[in-house]
Amino acid sequence: MKNPREIISQIKQTVPPYVKLVAVSKFHPASMIEEAYAGGQRLFGESHVQELQQKYQILPKDIEWHFIGHLQTNKVKYIAPYVQLIHAVDTHKLLVEINRQAEKNNRVIDCLLELHVACEETKYGFAPQELLDYLKQGEWRLLKNIRLCGLMCMASNVDDEEQISREFEQSNTIFARLKTEFFPDDDYFTIRSWGMSDDYLIAVKHGSNMVRIGSKIFGPRVY
């Protein structure tokens, strides 16, 4: 198998330069992150707080850590001092806790709202109308230590590329609406985080400017 830095280089050649690549390193050893790091990769995604804590302690401090999994409110405090972007905010309660812990650390933490467009009920996130209603209520505007920077979603885990395309296009349309209605003057509300190892090329065609790729870079997970 090719090493991570070679694969990352190849992936970057397949997407426009404005697309940011988050190398999803969960369940992979720090040595593989170091290999990718040596090739210039700085954005890494983890989805388990304890694993992220361990890696943060031993790896270079200029790594930009993204938390990409479902985050429990009682775990926010452990990553609040250093996490750069939390991808999957799916409740106001979670956003309030991120804000609280960010304030304790004298930080502003960037967050993405998770949009549920997939057909699987098991996936988390706001349904489209639910998200619109939530933003209209405006409680989030009182939270001064978080910054909403865009949307994150996952497409259905299916082979039907047309369905995947529709779901990503729906997300892109919703992003555009939210940008116009709620964030017209906020130049940081730009991130569209969708697309993973199997569907990132489709995602980029439908507005994604941040892709989260794990198995394609690091191979099968090491549990």
N, C-alpha and C. Protein backbone atom coordinates (compact mmCIF):
# COMPACT_ATOMS: atom_id res chain seq x y z
N MET A 1 0.84 -1.21 0.00
CA MET A 1 0.00 0.00 0.00
C MET A 1 0.88 1.26 0.00
N LYS A 2 0.45 2.27 -0.73
CA LYS A 2 1.18 3.53 -0.75
C LYS A 2 1.09 4.20 0.62
N ASN A 3 2.08 5.02 0.92
CA ASN A 3 2.03 5.67 2.23
C ASN A 3 1.07 6.86 2.19
N PRO A 4 0.62 7.30 3.37
CA PRO A 4 -0.40 8.35 3.44
C PRO A 4 -0.05 9.63 2.70
N ARG A 5 1.23 10.02 2.74
CA ARG A 5 1.57 11.31 2.11
C ARG A 5 1.41 11.23 0.58
N GLU A 6 1.71 10.07 -0.01
CA GLU A 6 1.53 9.90 -1.46
C GLU A 6 0.05 9.95 -1.83
N ILE A 7 -0.78 9.29 -1.03
CA ILE A 7 -2.21 9.24 -1.32
C ILE A 7 -2.83 10.62 -1.17
N ILE A 8 -2.44 11.34 -0.12
CA ILE A 8 -2.95 12.70 0.08
C ILE A 8 -2.60 13.58 -1.11
N SER A 9 -1.37 13.46 -1.58
CA SER A 9 -0.94 14.24 -2.75
C SER A 9 -1.81 13.92 -3.97
N GLN A 10 -2.11 12.64 -4.16
CA GLN A 10 -2.94 12.23 -5.30
C GLN A 10 -4.37 12.76 -5.16
N ILE A 11 -4.92 12.67 -3.95
CA ILE A 11 -6.29 13.17 -3.71
C ILE A 11 -6.36 14.66 -4.01
N LYS A 12 -5.38 15.41 -3.54
CA LYS A 12 -5.40 16.86 -3.74
C LYS A 12 -5.35 17.24 -5.22
N GLN A 13 -4.77 16.36 -6.04
CA GLN A 13 -4.73 16.63 -7.47
C GLN A 13 -6.08 16.40 -8.15
N THR A 14 -7.00 15.72 -7.45
CA THR A 14 -8.31 15.41 -8.05
C THR A 14 -9.38 16.43 -7.69
N VAL A 15 -9.05 17.39 -6.81
CA VAL A 15 -10.05 18.38 -6.39
C VAL A 15 -9.50 19.79 -6.62
N PRO A 16 -10.37 20.79 -6.75
CA PRO A 16 -9.89 22.16 -6.92
C PRO A 16 -9.09 22.61 -5.70
N PRO A 17 -8.21 23.59 -5.89
CA PRO A 17 -7.33 24.02 -4.79
C PRO A 17 -8.07 24.63 -3.60
N TYR A 18 -9.31 25.09 -3.79
CA TYR A 18 -10.04 25.69 -2.67
C TYR A 18 -10.65 24.63 -1.75
N VAL A 19 -10.61 23.37 -2.14
CA VAL A 19 -11.20 22.31 -1.31
C VAL A 19 -10.19 21.88 -0.24
N LYS A 20 -10.59 22.00 1.02
CA LYS A 20 -9.72 21.59 2.12
C LYS A 20 -9.91 20.10 2.41
N LEU A 21 -8.80 19.42 2.65
CA LEU A 21 -8.83 17.99 2.93
C LEU A 21 -8.59 17.75 4.42
N VAL A 22 -9.58 17.15 5.08
CA VAL A 22 -9.42 16.71 6.46
C VAL A 22 -9.08 15.22 6.42
N ALA A 23 -7.88 14.89 6.85
CA ALA A 23 -7.47 13.48 6.88
C ALA A 23 -8.04 12.86 8.15
N VAL A 24 -8.97 11.92 7.97
CA VAL A 24 -9.67 11.32 9.11
C VAL A 24 -8.81 10.20 9.68
N SER A 25 -8.21 10.49 10.83
CA SER A 25 -7.19 9.61 11.39
C SER A 25 -7.70 8.72 12.53
N LYS A 26 -9.00 8.74 12.79
CA LYS A 26 -9.54 7.95 13.90
C LYS A 26 -9.23 6.46 13.69
N PHE A 27 -8.92 5.80 14.78
CA PHE A 27 -8.58 4.37 14.80
C PHE A 27 -7.27 4.05 14.08
N HIS A 28 -6.47 5.08 13.80
CA HIS A 28 -5.16 4.85 13.19
C HIS A 28 -4.08 5.39 14.12
N PRO A 29 -2.92 4.74 14.15
CA PRO A 29 -1.88 5.14 15.10
C PRO A 29 -1.26 6.49 14.77
N ALA A 30 -0.65 7.09 15.77
CA ALA A 30 -0.01 8.39 15.61
C ALA A 30 1.08 8.33 14.55
N SER A 31 1.71 7.18 14.38
CA SER A 31 2.79 7.06 13.39
C SER A 31 2.30 7.34 11.98
N MET A 32 1.05 6.96 11.69
CA MET A 32 0.50 7.21 10.36
C MET A 32 0.17 8.69 10.18
N ILE A 33 -0.26 9.34 11.27
CA ILE A 33 -0.48 10.79 11.22
C ILE A 33 0.85 11.50 10.97
N GLU A 34 1.91 11.03 11.63
CA GLU A 34 3.23 11.63 11.45
C GLU A 34 3.70 11.52 10.00
N GLU A 35 3.35 10.40 9.37
CA GLU A 35 3.72 10.20 7.96
C GLU A 35 3.03 11.23 7.07
N ALA A 36 1.73 11.41 7.32
CA ALA A 36 0.97 12.40 6.55
C ALA A 36 1.46 13.82 6.86
N TYR A 37 1.76 14.06 8.12
CA TYR A 37 2.26 15.37 8.56
C TYR A 37 3.57 15.71 7.86
N ALA A 38 4.42 14.72 7.73
CA ALA A 38 5.72 14.93 7.07
C ALA A 38 5.55 15.37 5.62
N GLY A 39 4.42 14.98 5.04
CA GLY A 39 4.14 15.37 3.66
C GLY A 39 3.42 16.71 3.56
N GLY A 40 3.20 17.38 4.70
CA GLY A 40 2.60 18.70 4.68
C GLY A 40 1.15 18.76 5.13
N GLN A 41 0.52 17.63 5.42
CA GLN A 41 -0.87 17.64 5.86
C GLN A 41 -0.97 18.17 7.29
N ARG A 42 -1.92 19.09 7.53
CA ARG A 42 -2.07 19.67 8.86
C ARG A 42 -3.47 19.51 9.43
N LEU A 43 -4.46 19.20 8.62
CA LEU A 43 -5.84 19.05 9.11
C LEU A 43 -6.14 17.58 9.33
N PHE A 44 -6.46 17.23 10.57
CA PHE A 44 -6.79 15.84 10.89
C PHE A 44 -8.10 15.78 11.65
N GLY A 45 -8.89 14.75 11.37
CA GLY A 45 -10.19 14.60 11.99
C GLY A 45 -10.27 13.38 12.89
N GLU A 46 -10.80 13.58 14.09
CA GLU A 46 -11.00 12.49 15.04
C GLU A 46 -12.44 12.51 15.51
N SER A 47 -12.92 11.35 15.99
CA SER A 47 -14.32 11.28 16.42
C SER A 47 -14.50 10.67 17.80
N HIS A 48 -13.38 10.42 18.50
CA HIS A 48 -13.46 9.92 19.87
C HIS A 48 -12.58 10.80 20.74
N VAL A 49 -13.17 11.35 21.78
CA VAL A 49 -12.47 12.34 22.59
C VAL A 49 -11.21 11.77 23.23
N GLN A 50 -11.30 10.58 23.80
CA GLN A 50 -10.13 10.00 24.48
C GLN A 50 -8.98 9.77 23.50
N GLU A 51 -9.30 9.27 22.33
CA GLU A 51 -8.26 9.02 21.32
C GLU A 51 -7.64 10.35 20.87
N LEU A 52 -8.47 11.35 20.68
CA LEU A 52 -7.96 12.66 20.28
C LEU A 52 -7.06 13.23 21.36
N GLN A 53 -7.46 13.09 22.61
CA GLN A 53 -6.64 13.58 23.72
C GLN A 53 -5.24 12.98 23.69
N GLN A 54 -5.19 11.67 23.49
CA GLN A 54 -3.90 10.97 23.49
C GLN A 54 -3.02 11.45 22.33
N LYS A 55 -3.63 11.62 21.17
CA LYS A 55 -2.85 12.05 20.00
C LYS A 55 -2.41 13.50 20.14
N TYR A 56 -3.29 14.33 20.68
CA TYR A 56 -2.94 15.73 20.86
C TYR A 56 -1.69 15.87 21.74
N GLN A 57 -1.59 15.04 22.77
CA GLN A 57 -0.47 15.14 23.71
C GLN A 57 0.87 14.86 23.03
N ILE A 58 0.89 13.94 22.07
CA ILE A 58 2.19 13.47 21.55
C ILE A 58 2.54 13.98 20.16
N LEU A 59 1.58 14.60 19.48
CA LEU A 59 1.83 15.02 18.10
C LEU A 59 2.09 16.53 18.02
N PRO A 60 2.66 17.01 16.91
CA PRO A 60 3.02 18.43 16.79
C PRO A 60 1.84 19.36 17.05
N LYS A 61 2.15 20.48 17.68
CA LYS A 61 1.09 21.38 18.12
C LYS A 61 0.56 22.31 17.02
N ASP A 62 1.15 22.25 15.83
CA ASP A 62 0.57 23.04 14.74
C ASP A 62 -0.44 22.24 13.92
N ILE A 63 -0.78 21.04 14.38
CA ILE A 63 -1.86 20.28 13.74
C ILE A 63 -3.19 20.98 14.05
N GLU A 64 -4.04 21.07 13.06
CA GLU A 64 -5.38 21.64 13.22
C GLU A 64 -6.35 20.47 13.41
N TRP A 65 -6.77 20.28 14.65
CA TRP A 65 -7.63 19.14 14.96
C TRP A 65 -9.10 19.49 14.75
N HIS A 66 -9.77 18.64 13.98
CA HIS A 66 -11.21 18.77 13.76
C HIS A 66 -11.91 17.60 14.47
N PHE A 67 -12.96 17.91 15.20
CA PHE A 67 -13.75 16.83 15.80
C PHE A 67 -14.93 16.58 14.87
N ILE A 68 -14.99 15.37 14.31
CA ILE A 68 -15.95 15.09 13.24
C ILE A 68 -17.07 14.15 13.66
N GLY A 69 -16.99 13.57 14.84
CA GLY A 69 -18.00 12.60 15.25
C GLY A 69 -19.13 13.23 16.05
N HIS A 70 -20.01 12.37 16.53
CA HIS A 70 -21.10 12.80 17.40
C HIS A 70 -20.50 13.14 18.76
N LEU A 71 -20.64 14.37 19.19
CA LEU A 71 -19.99 14.86 20.41
C LEU A 71 -20.99 14.94 21.55
N GLN A 72 -20.67 14.28 22.66
CA GLN A 72 -21.51 14.36 23.85
C GLN A 72 -21.16 15.62 24.64
N THR A 73 -22.18 16.24 25.23
CA THR A 73 -21.94 17.51 25.94
C THR A 73 -20.92 17.35 27.06
N ASN A 74 -20.93 16.21 27.74
CA ASN A 74 -20.02 16.05 28.89
C ASN A 74 -18.56 15.83 28.47
N LYS A 75 -18.31 15.73 27.17
CA LYS A 75 -16.94 15.52 26.70
C LYS A 75 -16.33 16.80 26.10
N VAL A 76 -17.14 17.81 25.94
CA VAL A 76 -16.67 19.04 25.27
C VAL A 76 -15.48 19.64 26.01
N LYS A 77 -15.52 19.62 27.33
CA LYS A 77 -14.48 20.29 28.13
C LYS A 77 -13.08 19.76 27.85
N TYR A 78 -12.99 18.50 27.43
CA TYR A 78 -11.67 17.90 27.22
C TYR A 78 -10.99 18.41 25.96
N ILE A 79 -11.77 18.80 24.96
CA ILE A 79 -11.16 19.23 23.70
C ILE A 79 -11.25 20.75 23.49
N ALA A 80 -12.01 21.42 24.35
CA ALA A 80 -12.23 22.87 24.18
C ALA A 80 -10.93 23.70 24.16
N PRO A 81 -9.87 23.29 24.88
CA PRO A 81 -8.67 24.14 24.87
C PRO A 81 -7.98 24.24 23.50
N TYR A 82 -8.21 23.25 22.62
CA TYR A 82 -7.39 23.23 21.40
C TYR A 82 -8.12 22.88 20.11
N VAL A 83 -9.31 22.33 20.17
CA VAL A 83 -9.97 21.90 18.92
C VAL A 83 -10.21 23.12 18.02
N GLN A 84 -9.98 22.95 16.72
CA GLN A 84 -10.11 24.06 15.79
C GLN A 84 -11.52 24.17 15.19
N LEU A 85 -12.12 23.01 14.91
CA LEU A 85 -13.45 23.02 14.28
C LEU A 85 -14.22 21.80 14.74
N ILE A 86 -15.45 22.02 15.19
CA ILE A 86 -16.36 20.93 15.56
C ILE A 86 -17.39 20.80 14.44
N HIS A 87 -17.37 19.66 13.78
CA HIS A 87 -18.14 19.49 12.55
C HIS A 87 -19.61 19.18 12.75
N ALA A 88 -19.96 18.53 13.82
CA ALA A 88 -21.28 17.90 13.85
C ALA A 88 -22.15 18.41 15.01
N VAL A 89 -22.42 19.71 15.04
CA VAL A 89 -23.29 20.25 16.08
C VAL A 89 -24.74 19.99 15.68
N ASP A 90 -25.44 19.22 16.50
CA ASP A 90 -26.78 18.77 16.11
C ASP A 90 -27.88 19.18 17.09
N THR A 91 -27.51 19.94 18.16
CA THR A 91 -28.52 20.44 19.10
C THR A 91 -28.08 21.79 19.65
N HIS A 92 -29.06 22.57 20.09
CA HIS A 92 -28.74 23.84 20.75
C HIS A 92 -28.02 23.57 22.07
N LYS A 93 -28.41 22.52 22.75
CA LYS A 93 -27.77 22.16 24.03
C LYS A 93 -26.26 21.98 23.86
N LEU A 94 -25.87 21.30 22.79
CA LEU A 94 -24.45 21.08 22.53
C LEU A 94 -23.75 22.40 22.23
N LEU A 95 -24.39 23.24 21.45
CA LEU A 95 -23.80 24.54 21.11
C LEU A 95 -23.59 25.39 22.36
N VAL A 96 -24.56 25.35 23.28
CA VAL A 96 -24.45 26.10 24.54
C VAL A 96 -23.25 25.61 25.34
N GLU A 97 -23.06 24.30 25.38
CA GLU A 97 -21.94 23.75 26.15
C GLU A 97 -20.60 24.08 25.50
N ILE A 98 -20.54 24.02 24.18
CA ILE A 98 -19.30 24.41 23.49
C ILE A 98 -18.98 25.87 23.80
N ASN A 99 -20.00 26.71 23.78
CA ASN A 99 -19.81 28.13 24.09
C ASN A 99 -19.29 28.31 25.53
N ARG A 100 -19.87 27.55 26.45
CA ARG A 100 -19.48 27.64 27.87
C ARG A 100 -18.01 27.26 28.06
N GLN A 101 -17.64 26.16 27.44
CA GLN A 101 -16.26 25.68 27.60
C GLN A 101 -15.27 26.57 26.84
N ALA A 102 -15.71 27.12 25.72
CA ALA A 102 -14.84 28.04 24.98
C ALA A 102 -14.57 29.30 25.82
N GLU A 103 -15.61 29.78 26.48
CA GLU A 103 -15.46 30.97 27.33
C GLU A 103 -14.49 30.69 28.47
N LYS A 104 -14.59 29.50 29.06
CA LYS A 104 -13.66 29.13 30.14
C LYS A 104 -12.21 29.16 29.67
N ASN A 105 -12.01 28.82 28.39
CA ASN A 105 -10.66 28.76 27.83
C ASN A 105 -10.28 30.04 27.09
N ASN A 106 -11.15 31.06 27.24
CA ASN A 106 -10.89 32.35 26.60
C ASN A 106 -10.68 32.20 25.09
N ARG A 107 -11.57 31.41 24.48
CA ARG A 107 -11.46 31.13 23.05
C ARG A 107 -12.82 31.34 22.37
N VAL A 108 -12.77 31.43 21.06
CA VAL A 108 -13.97 31.30 20.23
C VAL A 108 -13.77 30.04 19.40
N ILE A 109 -14.71 29.11 19.49
CA ILE A 109 -14.57 27.83 18.79
C ILE A 109 -15.47 27.83 17.55
N ASP A 110 -14.88 27.49 16.43
CA ASP A 110 -15.63 27.38 15.18
C ASP A 110 -16.43 26.08 15.14
N CYS A 111 -17.66 26.18 14.65
CA CYS A 111 -18.56 25.03 14.61
C CYS A 111 -19.30 24.96 13.28
N LEU A 112 -19.69 23.74 12.91
CA LEU A 112 -20.57 23.52 11.77
C LEU A 112 -21.86 22.90 12.27
N LEU A 113 -22.97 23.31 11.69
CA LEU A 113 -24.26 22.71 12.01
C LEU A 113 -24.44 21.46 11.15
N GLU A 114 -24.85 20.37 11.79
CA GLU A 114 -25.01 19.12 11.05
C GLU A 114 -26.41 19.03 10.45
N LEU A 115 -26.45 18.85 9.15
CA LEU A 115 -27.70 18.76 8.41
C LEU A 115 -27.99 17.30 8.09
N HIS A 116 -29.21 16.86 8.35
CA HIS A 116 -29.59 15.48 8.07
C HIS A 116 -30.36 15.43 6.75
N VAL A 117 -29.70 14.94 5.70
CA VAL A 117 -30.37 14.79 4.40
C VAL A 117 -30.38 13.33 3.94
N ALA A 118 -29.68 12.46 4.66
CA ALA A 118 -29.58 11.06 4.25
C ALA A 118 -30.87 10.31 4.56
N CYS A 119 -31.03 9.16 3.92
CA CYS A 119 -32.25 8.38 4.12
C CYS A 119 -32.19 7.54 5.40
N GLU A 120 -30.98 7.34 5.96
CA GLU A 120 -30.86 6.54 7.17
C GLU A 120 -31.29 7.33 8.40
N GLU A 121 -32.16 6.75 9.18
CA GLU A 121 -32.61 7.41 10.41
C GLU A 121 -31.52 7.42 11.47
N THR A 122 -30.53 6.55 11.33
CA THR A 122 -29.50 6.43 12.35
C THR A 122 -28.55 7.62 12.35
N LYS A 123 -28.52 8.39 11.28
CA LYS A 123 -27.62 9.54 11.24
C LYS A 123 -28.19 10.70 12.06
N TYR A 124 -27.28 11.47 12.62
CA TYR A 124 -27.67 12.62 13.44
C TYR A 124 -27.88 13.85 12.57
N GLY A 125 -28.29 14.94 13.20
CA GLY A 125 -28.37 16.21 12.50
C GLY A 125 -29.76 16.82 12.49
N PHE A 126 -29.80 18.10 12.14
CA PHE A 126 -31.07 18.82 11.99
C PHE A 126 -31.69 18.47 10.64
N ALA A 127 -32.99 18.18 10.63
CA ALA A 127 -33.71 18.10 9.36
C ALA A 127 -33.74 19.51 8.76
N PRO A 128 -33.85 19.63 7.45
CA PRO A 128 -33.78 20.96 6.82
C PRO A 128 -34.72 22.01 7.43
N GLN A 129 -36.00 21.69 7.59
CA GLN A 129 -36.92 22.67 8.15
C GLN A 129 -36.61 22.95 9.61
N GLU A 130 -36.19 21.93 10.32
CA GLU A 130 -35.83 22.07 11.74
C GLU A 130 -34.66 23.04 11.89
N LEU A 131 -33.70 22.94 10.98
CA LEU A 131 -32.54 23.82 11.03
C LEU A 131 -32.95 25.26 10.74
N LEU A 132 -33.81 25.43 9.76
CA LEU A 132 -34.30 26.77 9.42
C LEU A 132 -35.04 27.39 10.61
N ASP A 133 -35.90 26.59 11.24
CA ASP A 133 -36.65 27.08 12.40
C ASP A 133 -35.72 27.45 13.54
N TYR A 134 -34.70 26.62 13.75
CA TYR A 134 -33.75 26.86 14.83
C TYR A 134 -33.03 28.20 14.62
N LEU A 135 -32.56 28.44 13.42
CA LEU A 135 -31.84 29.68 13.17
C LEU A 135 -32.77 30.89 13.26
N LYS A 136 -34.02 30.73 12.86
CA LYS A 136 -34.98 31.83 12.96
C LYS A 136 -35.24 32.22 14.41
N GLN A 137 -35.23 31.23 15.31
CA GLN A 137 -35.47 31.52 16.73
C GLN A 137 -34.41 32.44 17.31
N GLY A 138 -33.18 32.29 16.82
CA GLY A 138 -32.14 33.26 17.14
C GLY A 138 -31.40 33.11 18.45
N GLU A 139 -31.71 32.07 19.24
CA GLU A 139 -31.01 31.92 20.53
C GLU A 139 -29.49 31.81 20.35
N TRP A 140 -29.08 31.21 19.25
CA TRP A 140 -27.65 31.00 18.98
C TRP A 140 -26.88 32.32 18.90
N ARG A 141 -27.59 33.40 18.60
CA ARG A 141 -26.91 34.69 18.45
C ARG A 141 -26.37 35.21 19.79
N LEU A 142 -26.87 34.68 20.89
CA LEU A 142 -26.42 35.10 22.22
C LEU A 142 -25.10 34.44 22.61
N LEU A 143 -24.68 33.45 21.86
CA LEU A 143 -23.48 32.68 22.21
C LEU A 143 -22.27 33.34 21.56
N LYS A 144 -21.49 34.03 22.37
CA LYS A 144 -20.40 34.86 21.85
C LYS A 144 -19.07 34.13 21.72
N ASN A 145 -18.99 32.91 22.23
CA ASN A 145 -17.72 32.19 22.17
C ASN A 145 -17.74 31.02 21.19
N ILE A 146 -18.77 31.01 20.33
CA ILE A 146 -18.77 30.07 19.21
C ILE A 146 -18.96 30.88 17.94
N ARG A 147 -18.56 30.29 16.84
CA ARG A 147 -18.75 30.93 15.54
C ARG A 147 -19.27 29.88 14.57
N LEU A 148 -20.46 30.10 14.06
CA LEU A 148 -21.04 29.16 13.09
C LEU A 148 -20.44 29.45 11.72
N CYS A 149 -19.73 28.45 11.19
CA CYS A 149 -18.94 28.66 9.97
C CYS A 149 -19.49 27.94 8.75
N GLY A 150 -20.60 27.21 8.92
CA GLY A 150 -21.15 26.51 7.77
C GLY A 150 -21.90 25.25 8.16
N LEU A 151 -22.01 24.35 7.19
CA LEU A 151 -22.78 23.12 7.37
C LEU A 151 -21.92 21.89 7.15
N MET A 152 -22.33 20.81 7.78
CA MET A 152 -21.73 19.50 7.57
C MET A 152 -22.87 18.52 7.30
N CYS A 153 -22.65 17.56 6.42
CA CYS A 153 -23.65 16.50 6.23
C CYS A 153 -22.97 15.24 5.73
N MET A 154 -23.73 14.16 5.80
CA MET A 154 -23.32 12.87 5.22
C MET A 154 -24.42 12.42 4.28
N ALA A 155 -24.03 11.92 3.12
CA ALA A 155 -25.02 11.37 2.20
C ALA A 155 -25.39 9.95 2.63
N SER A 156 -26.48 9.45 2.07
CA SER A 156 -26.89 8.07 2.35
C SER A 156 -25.79 7.10 1.91
N ASN A 157 -25.66 6.03 2.66
CA ASN A 157 -24.66 5.01 2.36
C ASN A 157 -25.22 4.04 1.31
N VAL A 158 -25.28 4.51 0.07
CA VAL A 158 -25.86 3.73 -1.02
C VAL A 158 -24.93 3.80 -2.23
N ASP A 159 -25.18 2.92 -3.20
CA ASP A 159 -24.39 2.92 -4.44
C ASP A 159 -24.98 3.84 -5.50
N ASP A 160 -26.17 4.33 -5.27
CA ASP A 160 -26.89 5.15 -6.24
C ASP A 160 -26.29 6.57 -6.27
N GLU A 161 -25.48 6.83 -7.29
CA GLU A 161 -24.80 8.13 -7.35
C GLU A 161 -25.78 9.28 -7.57
N GLU A 162 -26.89 8.99 -8.23
CA GLU A 162 -27.89 10.04 -8.44
C GLU A 162 -28.51 10.48 -7.12
N GLN A 163 -28.77 9.50 -6.23
CA GLN A 163 -29.32 9.84 -4.92
C GLN A 163 -28.31 10.65 -4.11
N ILE A 164 -27.07 10.21 -4.13
CA ILE A 164 -26.01 10.93 -3.40
C ILE A 164 -25.90 12.36 -3.93
N SER A 165 -25.95 12.50 -5.25
CA SER A 165 -25.87 13.83 -5.86
C SER A 165 -27.03 14.71 -5.41
N ARG A 166 -28.23 14.13 -5.38
CA ARG A 166 -29.41 14.91 -4.95
C ARG A 166 -29.26 15.40 -3.52
N GLU A 167 -28.75 14.52 -2.65
CA GLU A 167 -28.61 14.89 -1.24
C GLU A 167 -27.57 15.99 -1.05
N PHE A 168 -26.46 15.88 -1.76
CA PHE A 168 -25.44 16.93 -1.65
C PHE A 168 -25.95 18.24 -2.26
N GLU A 169 -26.69 18.14 -3.35
CA GLU A 169 -27.22 19.35 -3.98
C GLU A 169 -28.25 20.02 -3.06
N GLN A 170 -29.05 19.20 -2.39
CA GLN A 170 -30.01 19.74 -1.42
C GLN A 170 -29.26 20.50 -0.32
N SER A 171 -28.18 19.92 0.16
CA SER A 171 -27.38 20.57 1.20
C SER A 171 -26.81 21.89 0.71
N ASN A 172 -26.34 21.90 -0.52
CA ASN A 172 -25.77 23.11 -1.09
C ASN A 172 -26.82 24.22 -1.23
N THR A 173 -28.02 23.82 -1.61
CA THR A 173 -29.13 24.78 -1.74
C THR A 173 -29.49 25.37 -0.38
N ILE A 174 -29.54 24.49 0.64
CA ILE A 174 -29.86 24.96 1.99
C ILE A 174 -28.76 25.89 2.50
N PHE A 175 -27.50 25.52 2.24
CA PHE A 175 -26.39 26.40 2.65
C PHE A 175 -26.57 27.80 2.05
N ALA A 176 -26.87 27.85 0.77
CA ALA A 176 -27.02 29.15 0.10
C ALA A 176 -28.15 29.96 0.72
N ARG A 177 -29.23 29.28 1.07
CA ARG A 177 -30.36 29.99 1.69
C ARG A 177 -29.97 30.54 3.07
N LEU A 178 -29.32 29.70 3.86
CA LEU A 178 -28.91 30.15 5.20
C LEU A 178 -27.92 31.31 5.12
N LYS A 179 -27.01 31.22 4.17
CA LYS A 179 -26.02 32.29 3.99
C LYS A 179 -26.74 33.62 3.72
N THR A 180 -27.73 33.57 2.84
CA THR A 180 -28.46 34.78 2.45
C THR A 180 -29.32 35.32 3.59
N GLU A 181 -29.99 34.40 4.31
CA GLU A 181 -30.96 34.83 5.32
C GLU A 181 -30.34 35.18 6.67
N PHE A 182 -29.29 34.46 7.04
CA PHE A 182 -28.78 34.60 8.41
C PHE A 182 -27.33 35.08 8.51
N PHE A 183 -26.54 34.85 7.47
CA PHE A 183 -25.11 35.17 7.57
C PHE A 183 -24.60 36.00 6.38
N PRO A 184 -25.39 36.93 5.88
CA PRO A 184 -24.98 37.64 4.65
C PRO A 184 -23.69 38.43 4.79
N ASP A 185 -23.42 38.92 6.00
CA ASP A 185 -22.23 39.76 6.20
C ASP A 185 -21.11 39.03 6.94
N ASP A 186 -21.29 37.74 7.16
CA ASP A 186 -20.30 36.97 7.92
C ASP A 186 -19.40 36.20 6.95
N ASP A 187 -18.21 36.73 6.73
CA ASP A 187 -17.35 36.12 5.72
C ASP A 187 -16.79 34.77 6.15
N TYR A 188 -16.99 34.41 7.42
CA TYR A 188 -16.53 33.10 7.89
C TYR A 188 -17.56 32.00 7.63
N PHE A 189 -18.80 32.35 7.34
CA PHE A 189 -19.81 31.32 7.06
C PHE A 189 -19.65 30.87 5.61
N THR A 190 -18.70 29.96 5.43
CA THR A 190 -18.32 29.53 4.08
C THR A 190 -18.17 28.02 3.94
N ILE A 191 -18.11 27.30 5.05
CA ILE A 191 -17.69 25.90 4.97
C ILE A 191 -18.86 24.98 4.62
N ARG A 192 -18.64 24.15 3.62
CA ARG A 192 -19.58 23.10 3.24
C ARG A 192 -18.82 21.77 3.33
N SER A 193 -18.96 21.12 4.47
CA SER A 193 -18.20 19.90 4.77
C SER A 193 -19.03 18.68 4.41
N TRP A 194 -18.91 18.25 3.16
CA TRP A 194 -19.51 16.97 2.78
C TRP A 194 -18.65 16.27 1.75
N GLY A 195 -18.69 14.94 1.82
CA GLY A 195 -17.85 14.11 0.97
C GLY A 195 -16.83 13.34 1.77
N MET A 196 -16.83 12.00 1.58
CA MET A 196 -15.87 11.12 2.26
C MET A 196 -15.17 10.27 1.21
N SER A 197 -14.49 9.23 1.64
CA SER A 197 -13.64 8.46 0.73
C SER A 197 -14.36 8.01 -0.53
N ASP A 198 -15.60 7.55 -0.40
CA ASP A 198 -16.30 6.96 -1.55
C ASP A 198 -17.09 7.97 -2.37
N ASP A 199 -17.35 9.16 -1.82
CA ASP A 199 -18.23 10.07 -2.56
C ASP A 199 -17.72 11.51 -2.64
N TYR A 200 -16.44 11.71 -2.32
CA TYR A 200 -15.96 13.10 -2.24
C TYR A 200 -15.95 13.80 -3.60
N LEU A 201 -15.74 13.06 -4.68
CA LEU A 201 -15.74 13.69 -6.00
C LEU A 201 -17.14 14.18 -6.36
N ILE A 202 -18.16 13.40 -5.98
CA ILE A 202 -19.55 13.83 -6.20
C ILE A 202 -19.83 15.06 -5.33
N ALA A 203 -19.36 15.02 -4.09
CA ALA A 203 -19.60 16.13 -3.16
C ALA A 203 -19.04 17.45 -3.69
N VAL A 204 -17.83 17.38 -4.23
CA VAL A 204 -17.18 18.60 -4.74
C VAL A 204 -17.98 19.18 -5.91
N LYS A 205 -18.57 18.30 -6.72
CA LYS A 205 -19.41 18.78 -7.83
C LYS A 205 -20.65 19.52 -7.32
N HIS A 206 -21.02 19.23 -6.08
CA HIS A 206 -22.23 19.82 -5.50
C HIS A 206 -21.90 20.71 -4.31
N GLY A 207 -20.87 21.52 -4.48
CA GLY A 207 -20.63 22.63 -3.56
C GLY A 207 -19.66 22.40 -2.42
N SER A 208 -19.26 21.17 -2.16
CA SER A 208 -18.37 20.94 -1.02
C SER A 208 -17.05 21.66 -1.19
N ASN A 209 -16.59 22.28 -0.08
CA ASN A 209 -15.23 22.84 -0.09
C ASN A 209 -14.39 22.30 1.06
N MET A 210 -14.91 21.23 1.70
CA MET A 210 -14.14 20.52 2.72
C MET A 210 -14.55 19.06 2.70
N VAL A 211 -13.58 18.18 2.46
CA VAL A 211 -13.88 16.75 2.39
C VAL A 211 -13.16 16.02 3.51
N ARG A 212 -13.81 14.98 4.04
CA ARG A 212 -13.29 14.24 5.19
C ARG A 212 -12.95 12.82 4.71
N ILE A 213 -11.67 12.55 4.55
CA ILE A 213 -11.26 11.29 3.92
C ILE A 213 -10.37 10.49 4.87
N GLY A 214 -10.78 9.27 5.15
CA GLY A 214 -10.04 8.41 6.07
C GLY A 214 -9.49 7.16 5.43
N SER A 215 -10.39 6.21 5.12
CA SER A 215 -9.94 4.90 4.65
C SER A 215 -9.14 4.97 3.36
N LYS A 216 -9.44 5.91 2.50
CA LYS A 216 -8.72 6.05 1.24
C LYS A 216 -7.27 6.44 1.49
N ILE A 217 -7.03 7.16 2.59
CA ILE A 217 -5.67 7.60 2.94
C ILE A 217 -4.95 6.56 3.81
N PHE A 218 -5.64 6.11 4.85
CA PHE A 218 -4.97 5.31 5.88
C PHE A 218 -5.25 3.81 5.79
N GLY A 219 -6.17 3.41 4.89
CA GLY A 219 -6.53 2.02 4.80
C GLY A 219 -7.58 1.63 5.82
N PRO A 220 -7.84 0.32 5.96
CA PRO A 220 -8.86 -0.14 6.92
C PRO A 220 -8.53 0.32 8.33
N ARG A 221 -9.57 0.59 9.10
CA ARG A 221 -9.37 1.06 10.47
C ARG A 221 -8.74 -0.01 11.35
N VAL A 222 -7.94 0.46 12.29
CA VAL A 222 -7.33 -0.44 13.27
C VAL A 222 -8.07 -0.28 14.58
N TYR A 223 -8.98 -1.21 14.89
CA TYR A 223 -9.78 -1.08 16.12
C TYR A 223 -9.01 -1.62 17.32
